[in-house]
N, C-alpha and C. Protein backbone atom coordinates (compact mmCIF):
# COMPACT_ATOMS: atom_id res chain seq x y z
N MET A 1 51.71 27.85 18.78
CA MET A 1 50.50 28.64 18.67
C MET A 1 49.35 27.79 18.12
N LEU A 2 49.63 26.95 17.14
CA LEU A 2 48.63 26.08 16.56
C LEU A 2 48.09 25.09 17.60
N PHE A 3 48.99 24.61 18.45
CA PHE A 3 48.59 23.67 19.49
C PHE A 3 47.55 24.28 20.42
N PHE A 4 47.76 25.54 20.84
CA PHE A 4 46.83 26.20 21.75
C PHE A 4 45.48 26.46 21.09
N SER A 5 45.48 26.77 19.80
CA SER A 5 44.21 26.99 19.13
C SER A 5 43.42 25.69 19.01
N ILE A 6 44.10 24.57 18.80
CA ILE A 6 43.41 23.27 18.74
C ILE A 6 42.84 22.93 20.11
N ILE A 7 43.60 23.15 21.16
CA ILE A 7 43.12 22.90 22.53
C ILE A 7 41.90 23.77 22.83
N PHE A 8 41.95 25.03 22.42
CA PHE A 8 40.83 25.95 22.65
C PHE A 8 39.56 25.46 21.94
N ILE A 9 39.71 24.97 20.70
CA ILE A 9 38.56 24.47 19.95
C ILE A 9 37.97 23.24 20.63
N ILE A 10 38.83 22.35 21.14
CA ILE A 10 38.35 21.15 21.84
C ILE A 10 37.59 21.53 23.10
N PHE A 11 38.13 22.45 23.90
CA PHE A 11 37.43 22.87 25.12
C PHE A 11 36.11 23.56 24.80
N GLU A 12 36.09 24.34 23.73
CA GLU A 12 34.86 25.01 23.32
C GLU A 12 33.78 23.99 22.95
N PHE A 13 34.20 22.93 22.25
CA PHE A 13 33.27 21.86 21.88
C PHE A 13 32.74 21.16 23.13
N ILE A 14 33.61 20.88 24.09
CA ILE A 14 33.19 20.19 25.32
C ILE A 14 32.20 21.04 26.10
N ILE A 15 32.46 22.33 26.19
CA ILE A 15 31.56 23.22 26.93
C ILE A 15 30.21 23.34 26.22
N LYS A 16 30.25 23.44 24.88
CA LYS A 16 29.01 23.63 24.12
C LYS A 16 28.12 22.40 24.18
N TYR A 17 28.70 21.20 24.06
CA TYR A 17 27.92 19.97 24.00
C TYR A 17 28.05 19.14 25.26
N ASN A 18 28.12 19.78 26.39
CA ASN A 18 28.25 19.06 27.65
C ASN A 18 26.89 18.56 28.11
N GLY A 19 26.77 17.26 28.29
CA GLY A 19 25.59 16.65 28.91
C GLY A 19 24.30 16.90 28.17
N LYS A 20 23.39 17.62 28.81
CA LYS A 20 22.02 17.79 28.36
C LYS A 20 21.93 18.54 27.03
N ASP A 21 22.81 19.52 26.83
CA ASP A 21 22.75 20.31 25.60
C ASP A 21 23.00 19.43 24.38
N PHE A 22 23.88 18.44 24.50
CA PHE A 22 24.18 17.56 23.37
C PHE A 22 22.97 16.72 23.01
N GLU A 23 22.20 16.27 24.02
CA GLU A 23 21.01 15.47 23.76
C GLU A 23 19.93 16.29 23.07
N GLU A 24 19.79 17.56 23.44
CA GLU A 24 18.78 18.41 22.82
C GLU A 24 19.13 18.72 21.38
N ASN A 25 20.43 18.82 21.06
CA ASN A 25 20.83 19.18 19.71
C ASN A 25 20.92 17.99 18.78
N SER A 26 20.88 16.77 19.33
CA SER A 26 21.00 15.61 18.47
C SER A 26 19.72 15.44 17.64
N MET A 27 19.87 14.95 16.43
CA MET A 27 18.74 14.81 15.53
C MET A 27 18.41 13.34 15.35
N SER A 28 17.55 12.82 16.20
CA SER A 28 17.19 11.43 16.07
C SER A 28 15.97 11.30 15.17
N ARG A 29 15.92 10.19 14.42
CA ARG A 29 14.78 9.93 13.55
C ARG A 29 13.75 9.17 14.36
N ARG A 30 13.10 9.84 15.28
CA ARG A 30 12.16 9.21 16.18
C ARG A 30 10.97 10.14 16.40
N CYS A 31 9.76 9.56 16.38
CA CYS A 31 8.54 10.32 16.63
C CYS A 31 8.50 10.71 18.11
N GLN A 32 8.20 11.97 18.40
CA GLN A 32 8.19 12.43 19.78
C GLN A 32 6.97 11.92 20.55
N LEU A 33 5.91 11.56 19.86
CA LEU A 33 4.70 11.12 20.56
C LEU A 33 4.65 9.61 20.71
N THR A 34 4.89 8.88 19.63
CA THR A 34 4.75 7.42 19.68
C THR A 34 6.08 6.70 19.88
N GLY A 35 7.20 7.37 19.62
CA GLY A 35 8.50 6.74 19.78
C GLY A 35 8.90 5.84 18.63
N ILE A 36 8.18 5.89 17.51
CA ILE A 36 8.50 5.07 16.35
C ILE A 36 9.84 5.53 15.77
N GLY A 37 10.73 4.58 15.49
CA GLY A 37 12.04 4.89 14.95
C GLY A 37 12.37 4.01 13.77
N PRO A 38 13.61 4.05 13.30
CA PRO A 38 14.02 3.23 12.17
C PRO A 38 13.98 1.74 12.51
N VAL A 39 13.71 0.92 11.49
CA VAL A 39 13.66 -0.53 11.63
C VAL A 39 14.60 -1.11 10.58
N THR A 40 15.32 -2.17 10.91
CA THR A 40 16.22 -2.79 9.95
C THR A 40 15.55 -3.97 9.29
N GLY A 41 16.02 -4.26 8.08
CA GLY A 41 15.50 -5.39 7.32
C GLY A 41 16.42 -5.71 6.18
N ASN A 42 15.93 -6.45 5.22
CA ASN A 42 16.72 -6.85 4.07
C ASN A 42 16.11 -6.30 2.80
N HIS A 43 16.99 -5.88 1.88
CA HIS A 43 16.59 -5.58 0.52
C HIS A 43 16.80 -6.86 -0.27
N VAL A 44 15.74 -7.40 -0.85
CA VAL A 44 15.83 -8.67 -1.55
C VAL A 44 15.67 -8.41 -3.05
N SER A 45 16.68 -8.79 -3.82
CA SER A 45 16.65 -8.57 -5.26
C SER A 45 15.85 -9.67 -5.95
N HIS A 46 15.71 -9.53 -7.25
CA HIS A 46 14.99 -10.53 -8.03
C HIS A 46 15.70 -11.90 -7.99
N ALA A 47 17.04 -11.86 -7.90
CA ALA A 47 17.82 -13.09 -7.80
C ALA A 47 17.89 -13.61 -6.35
N HIS A 48 17.14 -12.99 -5.49
CA HIS A 48 17.04 -13.34 -4.06
C HIS A 48 18.34 -13.09 -3.31
N ASN A 49 19.13 -12.13 -3.78
CA ASN A 49 20.30 -11.69 -3.02
C ASN A 49 19.81 -10.73 -1.95
N ARG A 50 20.36 -10.87 -0.75
CA ARG A 50 19.91 -10.03 0.36
C ARG A 50 21.03 -9.11 0.81
N ARG A 51 20.64 -7.89 1.13
CA ARG A 51 21.57 -6.96 1.77
C ARG A 51 20.79 -6.11 2.76
N LYS A 52 21.48 -5.65 3.78
CA LYS A 52 20.84 -4.91 4.86
C LYS A 52 20.35 -3.55 4.39
N ARG A 53 19.25 -3.11 4.94
CA ARG A 53 18.74 -1.78 4.68
C ARG A 53 17.98 -1.30 5.90
N ARG A 54 17.61 -0.01 5.89
CA ARG A 54 16.84 0.57 6.99
C ARG A 54 15.53 1.11 6.44
N PHE A 55 14.47 0.89 7.20
CA PHE A 55 13.17 1.47 6.89
C PHE A 55 13.00 2.66 7.83
N LEU A 56 12.98 3.87 7.27
CA LEU A 56 12.87 5.08 8.07
C LEU A 56 11.41 5.46 8.25
N PRO A 57 11.04 6.00 9.42
CA PRO A 57 9.65 6.42 9.63
C PRO A 57 9.33 7.68 8.82
N ASN A 58 8.05 7.87 8.54
CA ASN A 58 7.60 9.03 7.78
C ASN A 58 7.42 10.20 8.76
N LEU A 59 8.51 10.89 9.07
CA LEU A 59 8.47 11.97 10.06
C LEU A 59 8.19 13.30 9.40
N GLN A 60 7.37 14.10 10.07
CA GLN A 60 7.01 15.43 9.61
C GLN A 60 7.17 16.39 10.79
N LYS A 61 7.66 17.58 10.52
CA LYS A 61 7.73 18.62 11.54
C LYS A 61 6.39 19.34 11.51
N LYS A 62 5.64 19.28 12.58
CA LYS A 62 4.27 19.78 12.59
C LYS A 62 4.07 20.76 13.73
N ARG A 63 3.43 21.87 13.42
CA ARG A 63 3.09 22.89 14.43
C ARG A 63 1.63 22.65 14.81
N VAL A 64 1.39 22.27 16.06
CA VAL A 64 0.07 21.85 16.52
C VAL A 64 -0.45 22.85 17.56
N TRP A 65 -1.70 23.26 17.40
CA TRP A 65 -2.33 24.12 18.40
C TRP A 65 -2.85 23.22 19.52
N VAL A 66 -2.34 23.46 20.74
CA VAL A 66 -2.76 22.68 21.91
C VAL A 66 -3.70 23.55 22.72
N GLN A 67 -4.98 23.18 22.73
CA GLN A 67 -6.02 23.98 23.38
C GLN A 67 -5.78 24.06 24.89
N GLU A 68 -5.33 22.98 25.50
CA GLU A 68 -5.14 22.95 26.96
C GLU A 68 -4.03 23.90 27.42
N LEU A 69 -3.00 24.08 26.59
CA LEU A 69 -1.90 24.98 26.93
C LEU A 69 -2.09 26.37 26.35
N ASN A 70 -3.06 26.50 25.43
CA ASN A 70 -3.39 27.77 24.78
C ASN A 70 -2.18 28.33 24.01
N ARG A 71 -1.48 27.43 23.30
CA ARG A 71 -0.34 27.86 22.49
C ARG A 71 -0.02 26.81 21.44
N PHE A 72 0.82 27.20 20.46
CA PHE A 72 1.30 26.28 19.46
C PHE A 72 2.50 25.52 19.99
N VAL A 73 2.63 24.26 19.59
CA VAL A 73 3.76 23.43 19.95
C VAL A 73 4.29 22.79 18.66
N THR A 74 5.60 22.90 18.42
CA THR A 74 6.21 22.29 17.25
C THR A 74 6.77 20.93 17.64
N LEU A 75 6.33 19.89 16.93
CA LEU A 75 6.73 18.53 17.24
C LEU A 75 7.22 17.83 15.98
N LYS A 76 8.07 16.81 16.15
CA LYS A 76 8.48 15.95 15.06
C LYS A 76 7.66 14.67 15.21
N LEU A 77 6.66 14.49 14.32
CA LEU A 77 5.69 13.41 14.45
C LEU A 77 5.70 12.53 13.21
N SER A 78 5.32 11.27 13.40
CA SER A 78 5.10 10.39 12.25
C SER A 78 3.73 10.71 11.68
N ALA A 79 3.50 10.29 10.44
CA ALA A 79 2.22 10.55 9.78
C ALA A 79 1.09 9.87 10.55
N LYS A 80 1.35 8.69 11.08
CA LYS A 80 0.34 7.97 11.87
C LYS A 80 -0.02 8.76 13.14
N ALA A 81 0.98 9.37 13.79
CA ALA A 81 0.73 10.15 15.00
C ALA A 81 -0.09 11.41 14.68
N ILE A 82 0.15 12.01 13.52
CA ILE A 82 -0.62 13.19 13.12
C ILE A 82 -2.09 12.82 12.95
N LYS A 83 -2.35 11.66 12.31
CA LYS A 83 -3.72 11.20 12.15
C LYS A 83 -4.37 10.92 13.50
N THR A 84 -3.60 10.34 14.43
CA THR A 84 -4.12 10.03 15.76
C THR A 84 -4.47 11.30 16.52
N ILE A 85 -3.62 12.33 16.42
CA ILE A 85 -3.90 13.60 17.10
C ILE A 85 -5.15 14.24 16.52
N SER A 86 -5.30 14.21 15.20
CA SER A 86 -6.48 14.83 14.59
C SER A 86 -7.75 14.08 14.97
N ARG A 87 -7.64 12.78 15.22
CA ARG A 87 -8.81 11.99 15.58
C ARG A 87 -9.14 12.10 17.08
N ASN A 88 -8.12 12.03 17.95
CA ASN A 88 -8.35 11.95 19.40
C ASN A 88 -8.18 13.27 20.14
N GLY A 89 -7.58 14.27 19.52
CA GLY A 89 -7.38 15.54 20.21
C GLY A 89 -5.97 15.67 20.76
N THR A 90 -5.71 16.79 21.40
CA THR A 90 -4.36 17.13 21.84
C THR A 90 -4.16 16.98 23.34
N SER A 91 -5.06 16.30 24.03
CA SER A 91 -4.92 16.19 25.48
C SER A 91 -3.68 15.39 25.88
N ASP A 92 -3.36 14.34 25.13
CA ASP A 92 -2.15 13.56 25.43
C ASP A 92 -0.89 14.37 25.20
N VAL A 93 -0.89 15.20 24.16
CA VAL A 93 0.26 16.05 23.88
C VAL A 93 0.44 17.05 25.01
N ALA A 94 -0.64 17.66 25.48
CA ALA A 94 -0.56 18.63 26.57
C ALA A 94 -0.02 17.99 27.84
N LYS A 95 -0.45 16.76 28.12
CA LYS A 95 0.02 16.07 29.32
C LYS A 95 1.52 15.79 29.24
N LEU A 96 2.00 15.35 28.07
CA LEU A 96 3.42 15.06 27.92
C LEU A 96 4.28 16.32 27.97
N VAL A 97 3.75 17.43 27.45
CA VAL A 97 4.51 18.69 27.49
C VAL A 97 4.59 19.21 28.92
N THR A 98 3.51 19.14 29.68
CA THR A 98 3.54 19.64 31.05
C THR A 98 4.40 18.76 31.96
N GLU A 99 4.48 17.47 31.66
CA GLU A 99 5.35 16.57 32.45
C GLU A 99 6.80 16.63 31.99
N LYS A 100 7.10 17.45 30.98
CA LYS A 100 8.43 17.63 30.42
C LYS A 100 8.99 16.34 29.81
N LYS A 101 8.11 15.46 29.34
CA LYS A 101 8.56 14.25 28.64
C LYS A 101 8.79 14.53 27.17
N ILE A 102 8.17 15.60 26.65
CA ILE A 102 8.39 16.05 25.28
C ILE A 102 9.01 17.42 25.32
N LYS A 103 10.11 17.57 24.60
CA LYS A 103 10.73 18.90 24.46
C LYS A 103 10.00 19.62 23.35
N ALA A 104 9.18 20.58 23.71
CA ALA A 104 8.38 21.32 22.73
C ALA A 104 9.02 22.67 22.46
N ARG A 105 9.08 23.02 21.17
CA ARG A 105 9.66 24.31 20.78
C ARG A 105 8.59 25.34 20.66
């Protein structure tokens, strides 16, 4: 009986995260507009010992009003991208949403 319940759980997982659904549910640390992601480097101590570390982008979940689409769009953006949108407008965001290059909630 235990064997069948384990098999059922495995099949349920495969059906739930099959193909495209798994990509949508994954949580990547990447800006949706600029594509900025984590960068690797070294942490250097005072004694000049080095060890690997990651520099993570400053990501914010932002709800943006897109005038061209006449609706709000929730995006995961870096702080630099938020400044760029406020300076240049939302026309680039609208274009990417209509081309389905950005998954907007």
